[in-house]
N, C-alpha and C. Protein backbone atom coordinates (compact mmCIF):
# COMPACT_ATOMS: atom_id res chain seq x y z
N MET A 1 76.64 73.18 103.95
CA MET A 1 76.33 73.73 102.63
C MET A 1 77.64 74.01 102.14
N ILE A 2 78.15 74.02 101.02
CA ILE A 2 79.41 74.29 100.70
C ILE A 2 79.09 75.61 99.56
N LYS A 3 79.79 76.70 100.02
CA LYS A 3 79.36 77.82 99.18
C LYS A 3 80.23 78.39 98.35
N ASN A 4 81.35 77.90 98.19
CA ASN A 4 82.60 78.51 97.25
C ASN A 4 83.50 77.36 96.96
N THR A 5 84.25 77.64 95.93
CA THR A 5 85.24 76.80 95.50
C THR A 5 86.53 76.72 96.78
N LYS A 6 86.90 77.61 97.23
CA LYS A 6 87.84 77.49 98.30
C LYS A 6 87.24 76.57 99.39
N GLN A 7 86.01 76.84 99.96
CA GLN A 7 85.28 75.99 101.12
C GLN A 7 85.36 74.51 100.60
N LYS A 8 85.08 74.37 99.38
CA LYS A 8 85.12 73.03 98.88
C LYS A 8 86.50 72.19 98.86
N GLY A 9 87.47 73.13 98.50
CA GLY A 9 89.07 72.77 98.57
C GLY A 9 89.30 72.31 99.92
N ASN A 10 89.16 73.28 100.70
CA ASN A 10 89.59 72.99 102.27
C ASN A 10 88.61 71.74 102.77
N LEU A 11 87.44 71.69 102.49
CA LEU A 11 86.81 70.42 103.06
C LEU A 11 87.41 69.14 102.45
N GLY A 12 87.95 69.28 101.20
CA GLY A 12 88.27 67.91 100.42
C GLY A 12 89.56 67.68 101.06
N GLU A 13 90.42 68.83 101.26
CA GLU A 13 91.71 68.46 101.86
C GLU A 13 91.74 67.98 103.54
N ASP A 14 90.85 68.55 104.09
CA ASP A 14 90.58 68.09 105.40
C ASP A 14 90.36 66.27 105.40
N ILE A 15 89.37 66.17 104.59
CA ILE A 15 89.13 64.78 104.51
C ILE A 15 90.00 63.97 103.93
N ALA A 16 91.21 64.40 102.97
CA ALA A 16 92.19 63.84 102.70
C ALA A 16 93.24 63.66 103.33
N CYS A 17 93.46 64.47 104.42
CA CYS A 17 94.28 64.43 105.46
C CYS A 17 94.06 63.23 106.44
N LYS A 18 92.60 63.05 106.85
CA LYS A 18 92.22 62.17 107.69
C LYS A 18 92.42 60.94 106.94
N TYR A 19 92.10 60.84 105.90
CA TYR A 19 92.30 59.57 104.92
C TYR A 19 93.80 58.83 104.96
N ILE A 20 94.81 59.94 104.61
CA ILE A 20 96.03 59.31 104.63
C ILE A 20 96.57 59.16 106.23
N ALA A 21 96.18 59.92 106.92
CA ALA A 21 96.51 59.55 108.45
C ALA A 21 96.05 58.19 108.85
N ASN A 22 94.94 57.80 108.40
CA ASN A 22 94.36 56.31 108.64
C ASN A 22 94.99 55.37 108.06
N ARG A 23 95.75 55.71 107.07
CA ARG A 23 96.75 54.66 106.43
C ARG A 23 98.07 54.79 106.66
N GLY A 24 98.38 55.43 107.67
CA GLY A 24 99.80 55.41 108.14
C GLY A 24 100.80 56.60 107.71
N TYR A 25 100.25 57.36 106.97
CA TYR A 25 101.18 58.72 106.60
C TYR A 25 101.15 59.60 107.54
N VAL A 26 102.26 60.37 107.94
CA VAL A 26 102.41 61.40 108.67
C VAL A 26 102.59 62.58 108.07
N LEU A 27 101.77 63.55 108.26
CA LEU A 27 101.85 64.75 107.68
C LEU A 27 102.76 65.58 108.03
N LEU A 28 103.39 66.19 107.03
CA LEU A 28 104.61 66.96 107.08
C LEU A 28 104.12 68.44 106.79
N GLU A 29 103.42 68.72 105.89
CA GLU A 29 102.91 70.14 105.62
C GLU A 29 101.83 69.85 104.72
N ARG A 30 101.02 71.30 105.03
CA ARG A 30 99.66 71.33 104.08
C ARG A 30 99.76 72.56 103.50
N ASN A 31 99.43 72.62 102.05
CA ASN A 31 99.57 73.83 101.51
C ASN A 31 100.77 74.62 101.21
N TYR A 32 101.70 73.85 100.88
CA TYR A 32 103.17 74.26 100.70
C TYR A 32 103.05 75.14 99.48
N ARG A 33 103.19 76.58 99.61
CA ARG A 33 103.17 77.59 98.64
C ARG A 33 104.27 78.25 98.23
N LYS A 34 104.51 78.66 96.74
CA LYS A 34 105.47 79.47 96.41
C LYS A 34 104.70 80.35 95.44
N THR A 35 105.20 81.30 94.81
CA THR A 35 104.32 82.13 93.65
C THR A 35 104.16 81.43 92.55
N TRP A 36 104.77 80.44 92.25
CA TRP A 36 104.57 79.56 91.13
C TRP A 36 103.93 78.32 91.20
N GLY A 37 103.41 77.97 92.44
CA GLY A 37 102.57 76.70 92.70
C GLY A 37 102.24 76.49 94.09
N GLU A 38 101.70 75.46 94.20
CA GLU A 38 101.15 74.91 95.58
C GLU A 38 101.20 73.31 95.42
N ILE A 39 101.59 72.68 96.65
CA ILE A 39 101.33 71.27 96.64
C ILE A 39 100.29 71.25 97.90
N ASP A 40 99.50 70.44 97.57
CA ASP A 40 98.49 70.35 98.76
C ASP A 40 98.72 69.83 99.99
N ILE A 41 99.28 68.59 99.83
CA ILE A 41 99.91 67.94 101.18
C ILE A 41 101.23 67.15 100.78
N ILE A 42 102.26 67.25 101.81
CA ILE A 42 103.38 66.50 101.91
C ILE A 42 103.12 65.76 103.04
N ALA A 43 103.50 64.54 102.98
CA ALA A 43 103.59 63.58 103.95
C ALA A 43 104.70 62.54 103.73
N THR A 44 104.83 61.91 104.67
CA THR A 44 105.90 60.84 104.87
C THR A 44 105.47 59.37 105.16
N LYS A 45 105.70 58.24 104.68
CA LYS A 45 105.50 57.04 105.09
C LYS A 45 106.54 56.14 104.30
N ASP A 46 106.83 55.05 105.20
CA ASP A 46 107.77 53.93 104.69
C ASP A 46 109.06 54.62 104.01
N ASN A 47 109.59 55.57 104.64
CA ASN A 47 110.83 56.38 104.25
C ASN A 47 110.79 56.84 102.82
N LEU A 48 109.46 57.21 102.50
CA LEU A 48 109.38 58.02 101.21
C LEU A 48 108.69 59.33 101.58
N ILE A 49 109.10 60.39 100.88
CA ILE A 49 108.09 61.67 100.93
C ILE A 49 107.13 61.59 99.90
N HIS A 50 105.84 61.86 100.22
CA HIS A 50 104.61 61.61 99.30
C HIS A 50 103.97 63.01 99.19
N PHE A 51 104.01 63.57 97.65
CA PHE A 51 103.57 64.77 97.55
C PHE A 51 102.16 64.35 96.95
N ILE A 52 101.16 65.14 97.52
CA ILE A 52 99.65 64.67 96.99
C ILE A 52 99.13 66.04 96.68
N GLU A 53 98.26 65.82 95.59
CA GLU A 53 97.38 66.76 94.84
C GLU A 53 95.93 66.16 95.36
N VAL A 54 95.23 67.26 95.85
CA VAL A 54 93.58 67.11 96.24
C VAL A 54 92.95 67.50 95.32
N LYS A 55 91.81 66.78 94.53
CA LYS A 55 90.86 67.46 93.73
C LYS A 55 89.56 67.05 94.40
N SER A 56 88.80 68.05 94.51
CA SER A 56 87.40 67.67 94.98
C SER A 56 86.29 68.13 94.12
N VAL A 57 85.29 67.51 94.15
CA VAL A 57 84.12 67.84 93.22
C VAL A 57 83.03 67.56 93.97
N VAL A 58 81.77 68.41 93.76
CA VAL A 58 80.57 68.19 94.54
C VAL A 58 79.58 67.10 93.63
N VAL A 59 79.08 66.20 94.34
CA VAL A 59 78.34 65.34 93.56
C VAL A 59 76.93 65.34 94.31
N LYS A 60 75.87 65.39 93.40
CA LYS A 60 74.29 65.75 93.88
C LYS A 60 73.82 64.39 93.77
N GLY A 61 73.44 63.79 94.71
CA GLY A 61 72.79 62.43 94.18
C GLY A 61 73.59 61.11 94.25
N VAL A 62 73.52 60.35 93.24
CA VAL A 62 74.11 59.16 92.95
C VAL A 62 75.33 59.47 92.55
N PHE A 63 76.48 58.75 93.23
CA PHE A 63 78.03 58.83 92.75
C PHE A 63 78.04 57.90 91.54
N ASP A 64 78.79 58.73 90.58
CA ASP A 64 79.13 57.94 89.42
C ASP A 64 80.50 58.25 89.05
N ALA A 65 81.70 57.15 89.29
CA ALA A 65 82.84 57.52 89.29
C ALA A 65 83.22 57.57 87.59
N ASN A 66 82.61 57.14 86.75
CA ASN A 66 82.88 57.31 85.32
C ASN A 66 82.57 58.58 84.90
N TYR A 67 81.60 59.30 85.65
CA TYR A 67 81.05 60.68 85.03
C TYR A 67 81.92 61.75 85.64
N HIS A 68 82.12 61.59 86.92
CA HIS A 68 82.96 62.79 87.66
C HIS A 68 84.44 62.23 87.78
N LYS A 69 85.47 62.87 86.88
CA LYS A 69 86.99 62.69 86.80
C LYS A 69 87.59 63.77 87.35
N PRO A 70 87.62 64.20 88.48
CA PRO A 70 88.40 65.34 89.01
C PRO A 70 90.04 65.22 88.86
N GLU A 71 90.60 64.00 88.61
CA GLU A 71 91.95 63.82 88.23
C GLU A 71 92.23 64.30 87.05
N GLU A 72 91.19 64.55 85.96
CA GLU A 72 91.42 65.14 84.72
C GLU A 72 91.73 66.57 84.86
N ASN A 73 91.79 67.04 85.83
CA ASN A 73 92.39 68.71 86.22
C ASN A 73 93.64 68.50 86.67
N VAL A 74 94.28 67.49 86.64
CA VAL A 74 95.85 67.55 86.77
C VAL A 74 96.42 67.27 85.37
N HIS A 75 96.46 68.50 84.85
CA HIS A 75 96.90 68.46 83.32
C HIS A 75 98.55 68.90 83.15
N SER A 76 98.98 68.94 82.00
CA SER A 76 100.29 69.26 81.99
C SER A 76 100.80 70.26 82.48
N TYR A 77 100.03 71.54 82.33
CA TYR A 77 100.57 72.77 83.02
C TYR A 77 100.73 72.72 84.65
N LYS A 78 99.66 71.87 85.14
CA LYS A 78 99.78 71.60 86.43
C LYS A 78 100.86 70.75 86.94
N VAL A 79 101.34 69.75 86.32
CA VAL A 79 102.30 68.75 86.44
C VAL A 79 103.63 69.51 86.33
N PHE A 80 103.58 70.56 85.42
CA PHE A 80 104.91 71.24 85.27
C PHE A 80 105.17 72.13 86.68
N HIS A 81 104.30 72.70 87.22
CA HIS A 81 104.32 73.46 88.31
C HIS A 81 104.51 72.49 89.62
N ILE A 82 104.11 71.26 89.66
CA ILE A 82 104.12 70.43 90.54
C ILE A 82 105.71 69.77 90.50
N ARG A 83 106.33 69.59 89.54
CA ARG A 83 107.74 69.25 89.51
C ARG A 83 108.51 70.24 90.00
N ARG A 84 108.29 71.50 89.62
CA ARG A 84 109.07 72.45 90.27
C ARG A 84 108.71 72.76 91.76
N MET A 85 107.47 72.69 92.23
CA MET A 85 107.43 72.41 93.59
C MET A 85 108.20 71.49 94.44
N VAL A 86 108.22 70.54 93.72
CA VAL A 86 109.01 69.27 94.46
C VAL A 86 110.45 69.48 94.28
N GLN A 87 111.15 69.94 93.36
CA GLN A 87 112.38 70.58 93.40
C GLN A 87 112.61 71.45 94.51
N THR A 88 111.85 72.78 94.50
CA THR A 88 111.97 73.61 95.35
C THR A 88 112.02 72.84 96.89
N TYR A 89 110.89 72.26 97.09
CA TYR A 89 110.79 71.50 98.54
C TYR A 89 112.27 70.90 98.77
N PHE A 90 112.85 70.18 97.89
CA PHE A 90 114.00 69.23 97.78
C PHE A 90 115.14 70.32 98.48
N ASP A 91 115.31 71.46 97.36
CA ASP A 91 116.27 72.57 97.56
C ASP A 91 116.29 72.95 98.95
N GLU A 92 115.08 73.56 99.35
CA GLU A 92 115.00 74.47 100.70
C GLU A 92 115.25 73.53 101.79
N ARG A 93 115.00 72.19 101.70
CA ARG A 93 115.22 71.23 102.98
C ARG A 93 116.60 70.47 102.70
N LYS A 94 117.43 71.00 101.72
CA LYS A 94 118.67 70.40 101.43
C LYS A 94 118.57 68.84 101.34
N LEU A 95 117.52 68.30 100.68
CA LEU A 95 117.49 67.05 100.68
C LEU A 95 118.31 66.57 99.23
N ASN A 96 118.96 65.19 99.54
CA ASN A 96 119.59 64.77 98.61
C ASN A 96 118.47 64.19 97.42
N LEU A 97 118.87 64.40 96.25
CA LEU A 97 118.04 64.06 95.00
C LEU A 97 117.74 62.60 94.97
N ASP A 98 118.67 61.80 95.76
CA ASP A 98 118.38 60.34 95.95
C ASP A 98 117.13 59.96 96.84
N THR A 99 116.89 60.98 97.82
CA THR A 99 115.71 60.60 98.46
C THR A 99 114.49 60.36 97.72
N GLY A 100 113.90 59.17 98.32
CA GLY A 100 112.72 58.68 97.63
C GLY A 100 111.43 59.58 97.73
N PHE A 101 110.75 59.70 96.77
CA PHE A 101 109.55 60.52 96.93
C PHE A 101 108.48 59.73 95.72
N ALA A 102 107.06 60.09 96.19
CA ALA A 102 105.95 59.66 95.23
C ALA A 102 105.07 60.76 94.98
N PHE A 103 104.59 60.69 93.93
CA PHE A 103 103.13 61.61 93.62
C PHE A 103 101.92 60.96 93.43
N HIS A 104 100.93 61.40 94.32
CA HIS A 104 99.52 61.09 94.27
C HIS A 104 98.56 61.93 94.19
N VAL A 105 97.29 61.38 93.51
CA VAL A 105 96.29 62.51 93.49
C VAL A 105 95.04 61.65 94.24
N ILE A 106 94.46 62.67 95.06
CA ILE A 106 93.38 62.11 95.92
C ILE A 106 92.20 62.79 95.38
N CYS A 107 91.10 62.10 94.82
CA CYS A 107 90.08 62.58 94.53
C CYS A 107 88.95 62.55 95.42
N VAL A 108 88.15 63.57 95.91
CA VAL A 108 87.39 63.47 97.12
C VAL A 108 85.83 63.93 96.21
N TYR A 109 85.07 63.04 96.53
CA TYR A 109 83.62 63.28 96.01
C TYR A 109 82.66 63.65 97.06
N LEU A 110 82.41 64.95 97.22
CA LEU A 110 81.64 65.52 98.27
C LEU A 110 80.05 65.31 97.94
N ASN A 111 79.23 64.37 98.49
CA ASN A 111 77.90 64.42 97.99
C ASN A 111 77.17 65.18 98.95
N THR A 112 76.67 66.18 98.24
CA THR A 112 75.73 67.17 99.24
C THR A 112 74.04 66.81 99.63
N VAL A 113 73.89 65.45 99.00
CA VAL A 113 72.58 64.92 99.48
C VAL A 113 72.83 64.11 100.65
N THR A 114 73.51 63.06 100.85
CA THR A 114 74.11 62.36 101.85
C THR A 114 75.04 62.96 103.01
N ARG A 115 75.75 64.11 102.33
CA ARG A 115 76.61 64.79 103.34
C ARG A 115 77.90 63.64 103.80
N ARG A 116 78.16 62.99 102.78
CA ARG A 116 79.16 61.99 102.97
C ARG A 116 80.28 62.17 101.99
N ALA A 117 81.25 61.54 101.85
CA ALA A 117 82.43 61.66 100.63
C ALA A 117 82.91 60.32 100.43
N LYS A 118 83.43 60.17 99.27
CA LYS A 118 83.83 59.07 98.80
C LYS A 118 85.20 59.61 98.55
N ILE A 119 86.29 58.59 98.40
CA ILE A 119 87.87 59.07 97.93
C ILE A 119 88.27 58.02 97.20
N LYS A 120 89.06 58.65 96.23
CA LYS A 120 89.75 57.63 95.21
C LYS A 120 91.17 58.17 95.20
N MET A 121 92.04 57.32 95.56
CA MET A 121 93.65 57.67 95.50
C MET A 121 94.24 57.00 94.37
N ILE A 122 94.79 57.95 93.62
CA ILE A 122 95.58 57.32 92.47
C ILE A 122 96.95 57.75 92.86
N GLU A 123 97.60 56.52 92.97
CA GLU A 123 99.15 56.39 93.69
C GLU A 123 100.28 56.29 92.42
N ASN A 124 101.30 56.98 92.92
CA ASN A 124 102.52 56.71 92.12
C ASN A 124 102.48 57.12 90.68
N ILE A 125 101.87 58.28 90.28
CA ILE A 125 101.93 59.11 89.13
C ILE A 125 103.40 59.46 88.79
N ILE A 126 103.69 59.27 87.54
CA ILE A 126 104.92 59.56 87.17
C ILE A 126 104.88 61.13 86.84
N LEU A 127 105.91 61.84 87.37
CA LEU A 127 105.86 63.23 86.98
C LEU A 127 106.92 63.50 85.78
């Protein structure tokens, strides 16, 4: 049973980490935080750094991708902070700005009836 938002988020991130690992990504960091923001997952694959925002929602009963759109919570204010976090990550690791990177959103739909999850990955979002 999912009791609160933090528990829902942690479960969604756990599922997202397994999902990307099964697709050949290598996890570099999870919950990279600064006072001005957070990036849920940082991974690498195909010589790119992948910054991933995870959005989880609880679905009761029938899954309807048209009704539940957790990616809509990645609004302009959130994107502003993600940009700043990407820049901070590059600065801290002294990475060249020519280093390739991509930003993705993983939506995790947690079904409390079936106790299963569905995942939708929206790739290569322009920041």
